[in-house]
Amino acid sequence: MNTILEPQITILQNTKMFKTANEFSLHIEQLVASKKMSHMDAVLEYCKENYLEPSDVVALINKSLKDKIEMDFRELNYLPKQAQLDV
């Protein structure tokens, strides 16, 4: 019976837990930079690697990360474009 529980415990020990949304956001930024992927893909990759549902990390997505995901979606035409001021 212990052999069944040991792999599950190992999986949980390998999961990186974040105390704040900012720590999670920094980790996602590192994934984006290192793997050249979008922010949403990085969040989904993190969920896949840690056996989590995307709904499990909603509380860890801060405003900055949410804005970057939204910007990625606008660039991919998943959301309508917004007017931008030329600066």
PDB file of N, CA and C in Angstrom:
ATOM      1  N   MET A   1       0.821  -1.198   0.000  1.00  0.00           N
ATOM      2  CA  MET A   1       0.000   0.000   0.000  1.00  0.00           C
ATOM      3  C   MET A   1       0.861   1.255   0.000  1.00  0.00           C
ATOM      4  N   ASN A   2       2.007   1.235   0.607  1.00  0.00           N
ATOM      5  CA  ASN A   2       2.899   2.391   0.597  1.00  0.00           C
ATOM      6  C   ASN A   2       3.432   2.682  -0.797  1.00  0.00           C
ATOM      7  N   THR A   3       3.588   1.669  -1.610  1.00  0.00           N
ATOM      8  CA  THR A   3       4.104   1.896  -2.953  1.00  0.00           C
ATOM      9  C   THR A   3       3.142   2.719  -3.796  1.00  0.00           C
ATOM     10  N   ILE A   4       1.860   2.620  -3.521  1.00  0.00           N
ATOM     11  CA  ILE A   4       0.883   3.415  -4.261  1.00  0.00           C
ATOM     12  C   ILE A   4       0.968   4.881  -3.856  1.00  0.00           C
ATOM     13  N   LEU A   5       1.188   5.170  -2.605  1.00  0.00           N
ATOM     14  CA  LEU A   5       1.229   6.544  -2.122  1.00  0.00           C
ATOM     15  C   LEU A   5       2.547   7.246  -2.424  1.00  0.00           C
ATOM     16  N   GLU A   6       3.628   6.519  -2.517  1.00  0.00           N
ATOM     17  CA  GLU A   6       4.939   7.143  -2.716  1.00  0.00           C
ATOM     18  C   GLU A   6       5.026   7.971  -3.994  1.00  0.00           C
ATOM     19  N   PRO A   7       4.571   7.514  -5.154  1.00  0.00           N
ATOM     20  CA  PRO A   7       4.651   8.365  -6.353  1.00  0.00           C
ATOM     21  C   PRO A   7       3.850   9.655  -6.221  1.00  0.00           C
ATOM     22  N   GLN A   8       2.693   9.592  -5.574  1.00  0.00           N
ATOM     23  CA  GLN A   8       1.884  10.790  -5.397  1.00  0.00           C
ATOM     24  C   GLN A   8       2.594  11.792  -4.504  1.00  0.00           C
ATOM     25  N   ILE A   9       3.235  11.329  -3.474  1.00  0.00           N
ATOM     26  CA  ILE A   9       3.971  12.212  -2.571  1.00  0.00           C
ATOM     27  C   ILE A   9       5.132  12.857  -3.312  1.00  0.00           C
ATOM     28  N   THR A  10       5.810  12.103  -4.150  1.00  0.00           N
ATOM     29  CA  THR A  10       6.918  12.649  -4.932  1.00  0.00           C
ATOM     30  C   THR A  10       6.424  13.748  -5.860  1.00  0.00           C
ATOM     31  N   ILE A  11       5.297  13.549  -6.486  1.00  0.00           N
ATOM     32  CA  ILE A  11       4.737  14.564  -7.383  1.00  0.00           C
ATOM     33  C   ILE A  11       4.453  15.838  -6.609  1.00  0.00           C
ATOM     34  N   LEU A  12       3.845  15.735  -5.464  1.00  0.00           N
ATOM     35  CA  LEU A  12       3.530  16.915  -4.671  1.00  0.00           C
ATOM     36  C   LEU A  12       4.777  17.623  -4.180  1.00  0.00           C
ATOM     37  N   GLN A  13       5.834  16.890  -3.887  1.00  0.00           N
ATOM     38  CA  GLN A  13       7.066  17.509  -3.429  1.00  0.00           C
ATOM     39  C   GLN A  13       7.756  18.269  -4.551  1.00  0.00           C
ATOM     40  N   ASN A  14       7.574  17.849  -5.794  1.00  0.00           N
ATOM     41  CA  ASN A  14       8.198  18.518  -6.930  1.00  0.00           C
ATOM     42  C   ASN A  14       7.423  19.760  -7.368  1.00  0.00           C
ATOM     43  N   THR A  15       6.206  19.943  -6.884  1.00  0.00           N
ATOM     44  CA  THR A  15       5.383  21.086  -7.245  1.00  0.00           C
ATOM     45  C   THR A  15       5.904  22.327  -6.551  1.00  0.00           C
ATOM     46  N   LYS A  16       6.190  23.364  -7.334  1.00  0.00           N
ATOM     47  CA  LYS A  16       6.648  24.618  -6.754  1.00  0.00           C
ATOM     48  C   LYS A  16       5.441  25.401  -6.287  1.00  0.00           C
ATOM     49  N   MET A  17       5.418  25.707  -5.005  1.00  0.00           N
ATOM     50  CA  MET A  17       4.319  26.468  -4.436  1.00  0.00           C
ATOM     51  C   MET A  17       4.738  27.924  -4.317  1.00  0.00           C
ATOM     52  N   PHE A  18       3.818  28.809  -4.543  1.00  0.00           N
ATOM     53  CA  PHE A  18       4.096  30.237  -4.493  1.00  0.00           C
ATOM     54  C   PHE A  18       3.303  30.864  -3.361  1.00  0.00           C
ATOM     55  N   LYS A  19       3.975  31.735  -2.606  1.00  0.00           N
ATOM     56  CA  LYS A  19       3.310  32.404  -1.496  1.00  0.00           C
ATOM     57  C   LYS A  19       2.502  33.598  -1.974  1.00  0.00           C
ATOM     58  N   THR A  20       2.956  34.228  -3.046  1.00  0.00           N
ATOM     59  CA  THR A  20       2.266  35.411  -3.547  1.00  0.00           C
ATOM     60  C   THR A  20       2.038  35.302  -5.052  1.00  0.00           C
ATOM     61  N   ALA A  21       1.111  36.114  -5.528  1.00  0.00           N
ATOM     62  CA  ALA A  21       0.841  36.168  -6.966  1.00  0.00           C
ATOM     63  C   ALA A  21       2.049  36.732  -7.715  1.00  0.00           C
ATOM     64  N   ASN A  22       2.811  37.608  -7.074  1.00  0.00           N
ATOM     65  CA  ASN A  22       3.998  38.179  -7.725  1.00  0.00           C
ATOM     66  C   ASN A  22       5.062  37.118  -7.970  1.00  0.00           C
ATOM     67  N   GLU A  23       5.247  36.193  -7.028  1.00  0.00           N
ATOM     68  CA  GLU A  23       6.205  35.098  -7.229  1.00  0.00           C
ATOM     69  C   GLU A  23       5.782  34.231  -8.407  1.00  0.00           C
ATOM     70  N   PHE A  24       4.495  33.936  -8.483  1.00  0.00           N
ATOM     71  CA  PHE A  24       3.973  33.141  -9.592  1.00  0.00           C
ATOM     72  C   PHE A  24       4.181  33.870 -10.910  1.00  0.00           C
ATOM     73  N   SER A  25       3.889  35.157 -10.927  1.00  0.00           N
ATOM     74  CA  SER A  25       4.055  35.965 -12.131  1.00  0.00           C
ATOM     75  C   SER A  25       5.511  35.971 -12.601  1.00  0.00           C
ATOM     76  N   LEU A  26       6.438  36.099 -11.671  1.00  0.00           N
ATOM     77  CA  LEU A  26       7.864  36.070 -12.033  1.00  0.00           C
ATOM     78  C   LEU A  26       8.259  34.719 -12.614  1.00  0.00           C
ATOM     79  N   HIS A  27       7.723  33.656 -12.041  1.00  0.00           N
ATOM     80  CA  HIS A  27       8.018  32.316 -12.567  1.00  0.00           C
ATOM     81  C   HIS A  27       7.485  32.174 -13.996  1.00  0.00           C
ATOM     82  N   ILE A  28       6.283  32.674 -14.245  1.00  0.00           N
ATOM     83  CA  ILE A  28       5.694  32.618 -15.587  1.00  0.00           C
ATOM     84  C   ILE A  28       6.528  33.456 -16.555  1.00  0.00           C
ATOM     85  N   GLU A  29       6.983  34.628 -16.119  1.00  0.00           N
ATOM     86  CA  GLU A  29       7.837  35.471 -16.965  1.00  0.00           C
ATOM     87  C   GLU A  29       9.125  34.736 -17.343  1.00  0.00           C
ATOM     88  N   GLN A  30       9.685  33.986 -16.407  1.00  0.00           N
ATOM     89  CA  GLN A  30      10.894  33.211 -16.701  1.00  0.00           C
ATOM     90  C   GLN A  30      10.604  32.128 -17.736  1.00  0.00           C
ATOM     91  N   LEU A  31       9.445  31.477 -17.623  1.00  0.00           N
ATOM     92  CA  LEU A  31       9.066  30.467 -18.616  1.00  0.00           C
ATOM     93  C   LEU A  31       8.893  31.098 -19.992  1.00  0.00           C
ATOM     94  N   VAL A  32       8.258  32.262 -20.042  1.00  0.00           N
ATOM     95  CA  VAL A  32       8.038  32.960 -21.312  1.00  0.00           C
ATOM     96  C   VAL A  32       9.377  33.284 -21.972  1.00  0.00           C
ATOM     97  N   ALA A  33      10.318  33.799 -21.188  1.00  0.00           N
ATOM     98  CA  ALA A  33      11.620  34.187 -21.725  1.00  0.00           C
ATOM     99  C   ALA A  33      12.443  32.971 -22.149  1.00  0.00           C
ATOM    100  N   SER A  34      12.444  31.932 -21.338  1.00  0.00           N
ATOM    101  CA  SER A  34      13.302  30.781 -21.629  1.00  0.00           C
ATOM    102  C   SER A  34      12.752  29.877 -22.724  1.00  0.00           C
ATOM    103  N   LYS A  35      11.442  29.742 -22.812  1.00  0.00           N
ATOM    104  CA  LYS A  35      10.852  28.820 -23.783  1.00  0.00           C
ATOM    105  C   LYS A  35      10.199  29.519 -24.972  1.00  0.00           C
ATOM    106  N   LYS A  36      10.272  30.875 -25.003  1.00  0.00           N
ATOM    107  CA  LYS A  36       9.719  31.652 -26.129  1.00  0.00           C
ATOM    108  C   LYS A  36       8.264  31.271 -26.407  1.00  0.00           C
ATOM    109  N   MET A  37       7.433  31.401 -25.396  1.00  0.00           N
ATOM    110  CA  MET A  37       6.019  31.082 -25.532  1.00  0.00           C
ATOM    111  C   MET A  37       5.185  32.235 -25.001  1.00  0.00           C
ATOM    112  N   SER A  38       3.900  32.206 -25.272  1.00  0.00           N
ATOM    113  CA  SER A  38       3.011  33.255 -24.763  1.00  0.00           C
ATOM    114  C   SER A  38       2.789  33.053 -23.265  1.00  0.00           C
ATOM    115  N   HIS A  39       2.259  34.075 -22.638  1.00  0.00           N
ATOM    116  CA  HIS A  39       2.019  34.003 -21.197  1.00  0.00           C
ATOM    117  C   HIS A  39       0.975  32.947 -20.861  1.00  0.00           C
ATOM    118  N   MET A  40      -0.079  32.857 -21.661  1.00  0.00           N
ATOM    119  CA  MET A  40      -1.106  31.856 -21.412  1.00  0.00           C
ATOM    120  C   MET A  40      -0.554  30.454 -21.592  1.00  0.00           C
ATOM    121  N   ASP A  41       0.272  30.257 -22.618  1.00  0.00           N
ATOM    122  CA  ASP A  41       0.899  28.951 -22.818  1.00  0.00           C
ATOM    123  C   ASP A  41       1.795  28.597 -21.635  1.00  0.00           C
ATOM    124  N   ALA A  42       2.481  29.585 -21.077  1.00  0.00           N
ATOM    125  CA  ALA A  42       3.350  29.344 -19.924  1.00  0.00           C
ATOM    126  C   ALA A  42       2.529  28.943 -18.700  1.00  0.00           C
ATOM    127  N   VAL A  43       1.390  29.589 -18.492  1.00  0.00           N
ATOM    128  CA  VAL A  43       0.516  29.224 -17.370  1.00  0.00           C
ATOM    129  C   VAL A  43       0.006  27.795 -17.557  1.00  0.00           C
ATOM    130  N   LEU A  44      -0.425  27.478 -18.767  1.00  0.00           N
ATOM    131  CA  LEU A  44      -0.926  26.131 -19.045  1.00  0.00           C
ATOM    132  C   LEU A  44       0.178  25.085 -18.930  1.00  0.00           C
ATOM    133  N   GLU A  45       1.385  25.431 -19.350  1.00  0.00           N
ATOM    134  CA  GLU A  45       2.528  24.531 -19.214  1.00  0.00           C
ATOM    135  C   GLU A  45       2.825  24.262 -17.736  1.00  0.00           C
ATOM    136  N   TYR A  46       2.785  25.321 -16.930  1.00  0.00           N
ATOM    137  CA  TYR A  46       3.002  25.168 -15.491  1.00  0.00           C
ATOM    138  C   TYR A  46       1.942  24.235 -14.899  1.00  0.00           C
ATOM    139  N   CYS A  47       0.685  24.430 -15.290  1.00  0.00           N
ATOM    140  CA  CYS A  47      -0.394  23.579 -14.790  1.00  0.00           C
ATOM    141  C   CYS A  47      -0.176  22.122 -15.197  1.00  0.00           C
ATOM    142  N   LYS A  48       0.218  21.920 -16.446  1.00  0.00           N
ATOM    143  CA  LYS A  48       0.447  20.563 -16.943  1.00  0.00           C
ATOM    144  C   LYS A  48       1.585  19.882 -16.196  1.00  0.00           C
ATOM    145  N   GLU A  49       2.686  20.593 -15.993  1.00  0.00           N
ATOM    146  CA  GLU A  49       3.847  20.024 -15.310  1.00  0.00           C
ATOM    147  C   GLU A  49       3.563  19.702 -13.845  1.00  0.00           C
ATOM    148  N   ASN A  50       2.620  20.427 -13.248  1.00  0.00           N
ATOM    149  CA  ASN A  50       2.337  20.255 -11.824  1.00  0.00           C
ATOM    150  C   ASN A  50       0.988  19.603 -11.559  1.00  0.00           C
ATOM    151  N   TYR A  51       0.403  18.998 -12.606  1.00  0.00           N
ATOM    152  CA  TYR A  51      -0.858  18.268 -12.474  1.00  0.00           C
ATOM    153  C   TYR A  51      -1.944  19.117 -11.820  1.00  0.00           C
ATOM    154  N   LEU A  52      -2.094  20.344 -12.304  1.00  0.00           N
ATOM    155  CA  LEU A  52      -3.092  21.274 -11.790  1.00  0.00           C
ATOM    156  C   LEU A  52      -4.086  21.617 -12.883  1.00  0.00           C
ATOM    157  N   GLU A  53      -5.274  21.966 -12.480  1.00  0.00           N
ATOM    158  CA  GLU A  53      -6.259  22.514 -13.395  1.00  0.00           C
ATOM    159  C   GLU A  53      -6.000  24.020 -13.492  1.00  0.00           C
ATOM    160  N   PRO A  54      -6.227  24.632 -14.631  1.00  0.00           N
ATOM    161  CA  PRO A  54      -6.038  26.088 -14.730  1.00  0.00           C
ATOM    162  C   PRO A  54      -6.839  26.868 -13.688  1.00  0.00           C
ATOM    163  N   SER A  55      -7.983  26.354 -13.301  1.00  0.00           N
ATOM    164  CA  SER A  55      -8.783  27.046 -12.285  1.00  0.00           C
ATOM    165  C   SER A  55      -8.093  27.060 -10.921  1.00  0.00           C
ATOM    166  N   ASP A  56      -7.120  26.169 -10.713  1.00  0.00           N
ATOM    167  CA  ASP A  56      -6.399  26.117  -9.443  1.00  0.00           C
ATOM    168  C   ASP A  56      -5.420  27.278  -9.282  1.00  0.00           C
ATOM    169  N   VAL A  57      -5.012  27.901 -10.385  1.00  0.00           N
ATOM    170  CA  VAL A  57      -4.023  28.974 -10.303  1.00  0.00           C
ATOM    171  C   VAL A  57      -4.620  30.362 -10.539  1.00  0.00           C
ATOM    172  N   VAL A  58      -5.929  30.446 -10.633  1.00  0.00           N
ATOM    173  CA  VAL A  58      -6.585  31.732 -10.884  1.00  0.00           C
ATOM    174  C   VAL A  58      -6.199  32.765  -9.825  1.00  0.00           C
ATOM    175  N   ALA A  59      -6.147  32.351  -8.575  1.00  0.00           N
ATOM    176  CA  ALA A  59      -5.824  33.283  -7.485  1.00  0.00           C
ATOM    177  C   ALA A  59      -4.387  33.791  -7.573  1.00  0.00           C
ATOM    178  N   LEU A  60      -3.536  33.110  -8.324  1.00  0.00           N
ATOM    179  CA  LEU A  60      -2.135  33.503  -8.447  1.00  0.00           C
ATOM    180  C   LEU A  60      -1.869  34.427  -9.632  1.00  0.00           C
ATOM    181  N   ILE A  61      -2.872  34.715 -10.428  1.00  0.00           N
ATOM    182  CA  ILE A  61      -2.684  35.580 -11.590  1.00  0.00           C
ATOM    183  C   ILE A  61      -2.971  37.020 -11.172  1.00  0.00           C
ATOM    184  N   ASN A  62      -1.898  37.815 -11.113  1.00  0.00           N
ATOM    185  CA  ASN A  62      -2.056  39.220 -10.708  1.00  0.00           C
ATOM    186  C   ASN A  62      -2.436  40.078 -11.917  1.00  0.00           C
ATOM    187  N   LYS A  63      -2.694  41.353 -11.680  1.00  0.00           N
ATOM    188  CA  LYS A  63      -3.154  42.261 -12.738  1.00  0.00           C
ATOM    189  C   LYS A  63      -2.152  42.357 -13.881  1.00  0.00           C
ATOM    190  N   SER A  64      -0.876  42.422 -13.546  1.00  0.00           N
ATOM    191  CA  SER A  64       0.167  42.532 -14.563  1.00  0.00           C
ATOM    192  C   SER A  64       0.145  41.326 -15.508  1.00  0.00           C
ATOM    193  N   LEU A  65       0.089  40.136 -14.936  1.00  0.00           N
ATOM    194  CA  LEU A  65       0.065  38.925 -15.751  1.00  0.00           C
ATOM    195  C   LEU A  65      -1.233  38.845 -16.559  1.00  0.00           C
ATOM    196  N   LYS A  66      -2.335  39.228 -15.947  1.00  0.00           N
ATOM    197  CA  LYS A  66      -3.617  39.234 -16.653  1.00  0.00           C
ATOM    198  C   LYS A  66      -3.569  40.178 -17.855  1.00  0.00           C
ATOM    199  N   ASP A  67      -2.968  41.358 -17.675  1.00  0.00           N
ATOM    200  CA  ASP A  67      -2.844  42.313 -18.776  1.00  0.00           C
ATOM    201  C   ASP A  67      -1.970  41.757 -19.903  1.00  0.00           C
ATOM    202  N   LYS A  68      -0.915  41.053 -19.548  1.00  0.00           N
ATOM    203  CA  LYS A  68      -0.031  40.470 -20.573  1.00  0.00           C
ATOM    204  C   LYS A  68      -0.733  39.351 -21.334  1.00  0.00           C
ATOM    205  N   ILE A  69      -1.513  38.549 -20.624  1.00  0.00           N
ATOM    206  CA  ILE A  69      -2.288  37.497 -21.295  1.00  0.00           C
ATOM    207  C   ILE A  69      -3.298  38.133 -22.244  1.00  0.00           C
ATOM    208  N   GLU A  70      -3.954  39.192 -21.779  1.00  0.00           N
ATOM    209  CA  GLU A  70      -4.925  39.896 -22.622  1.00  0.00           C
ATOM    210  C   GLU A  70      -4.250  40.472 -23.863  1.00  0.00           C
ATOM    211  N   MET A  71      -3.066  41.054 -23.701  1.00  0.00           N
ATOM    212  CA  MET A  71      -2.329  41.617 -24.833  1.00  0.00           C
ATOM    213  C   MET A  71      -1.963  40.518 -25.838  1.00  0.00           C
ATOM    214  N   ASP A  72      -1.511  39.365 -25.329  1.00  0.00           N
ATOM    215  CA  ASP A  72      -1.198  38.232 -26.208  1.00  0.00           C
ATOM    216  C   ASP A  72      -2.437  37.812 -27.000  1.00  0.00           C
ATOM    217  N   PHE A  73      -3.585  37.757 -26.329  1.00  0.00           N
ATOM    218  CA  PHE A  73      -4.823  37.350 -26.989  1.00  0.00           C
ATOM    219  C   PHE A  73      -5.240  38.360 -28.049  1.00  0.00           C
ATOM    220  N   ARG A  74      -5.033  39.647 -27.781  1.00  0.00           N
ATOM    221  CA  ARG A  74      -5.371  40.672 -28.782  1.00  0.00           C
ATOM    222  C   ARG A  74      -4.464  40.537 -30.004  1.00  0.00           C
ATOM    223  N   GLU A  75      -3.181  40.272 -29.786  1.00  0.00           N
ATOM    224  CA  GLU A  75      -2.244  40.106 -30.901  1.00  0.00           C
ATOM    225  C   GLU A  75      -2.590  38.885 -31.747  1.00  0.00           C
ATOM    226  N   LEU A  76      -3.153  37.859 -31.122  1.00  0.00           N
ATOM    227  CA  LEU A  76      -3.547  36.649 -31.839  1.00  0.00           C
ATOM    228  C   LEU A  76      -4.974  36.737 -32.386  1.00  0.00           C
ATOM    229  N   ASN A  77      -5.600  37.918 -32.224  1.00  0.00           N
ATOM    230  CA  ASN A  77      -6.967  38.177 -32.697  1.00  0.00           C
ATOM    231  C   ASN A  77      -8.025  37.310 -32.019  1.00  0.00           C
ATOM    232  N   TYR A  78      -7.756  36.865 -30.791  1.00  0.00           N
ATOM    233  CA  TYR A  78      -8.774  36.164 -30.007  1.00  0.00           C
ATOM    234  C   TYR A  78      -9.703  37.163 -29.326  1.00  0.00           C
ATOM    235  N   LEU A  79      -9.224  38.384 -29.143  1.00  0.00           N
ATOM    236  CA  LEU A  79     -10.019  39.477 -28.583  1.00  0.00           C
ATOM    237  C   LEU A  79      -9.966  40.634 -29.572  1.00  0.00           C
ATOM    238  N   PRO A  80     -11.005  41.463 -29.597  1.00  0.00           N
ATOM    239  CA  PRO A  80     -10.984  42.609 -30.525  1.00  0.00           C
ATOM    240  C   PRO A  80      -9.889  43.600 -30.161  1.00  0.00           C
ATOM    241  N   LYS A  81      -9.343  44.237 -31.181  1.00  0.00           N
ATOM    242  CA  LYS A  81      -8.304  45.253 -30.969  1.00  0.00           C
ATOM    243  C   LYS A  81      -8.908  46.457 -30.294  1.00  0.00           C
ATOM    244  N   GLN A  82      -8.093  47.139 -29.482  1.00  0.00           N
ATOM    245  CA  GLN A  82      -8.514  48.382 -28.833  1.00  0.00           C
ATOM    246  C   GLN A  82      -7.731  49.523 -29.445  1.00  0.00           C
ATOM    247  N   ALA A  83      -8.329  50.689 -29.429  1.00  0.00           N
ATOM    248  CA  ALA A  83      -7.633  51.864 -29.924  1.00  0.00           C
ATOM    249  C   ALA A  83      -6.446  52.154 -29.012  1.00  0.00           C
ATOM    250  N   GLN A  84      -5.301  52.492 -29.631  1.00  0.00           N
ATOM    251  CA  GLN A  84      -4.100  52.803 -28.858  1.00  0.00           C
ATOM    252  C   GLN A  84      -3.623  54.188 -29.233  1.00  0.00           C
ATOM    253  N   LEU A  85      -3.139  54.915 -28.252  1.00  0.00           N
ATOM    254  CA  LEU A  85      -2.593  56.239 -28.504  1.00  0.00           C
ATOM    255  C   LEU A  85      -1.138  56.112 -28.934  1.00  0.00           C
ATOM    256  N   ASP A  86      -0.753  56.860 -29.962  1.00  0.00           N
ATOM    257  CA  ASP A  86       0.640  56.884 -30.380  1.00  0.00           C
ATOM    258  C   ASP A  86       1.419  57.790 -29.438  1.00  0.00           C
ATOM    259  N   VAL A  87       2.451  57.243 -28.847  1.00  0.00           N
ATOM    260  CA  VAL A  87       3.254  58.037 -27.898  1.00  0.00           C
ATOM    261  C   VAL A  87       4.635  58.217 -28.430  1.00  0.00           C
TER     262      VAL A  87
END
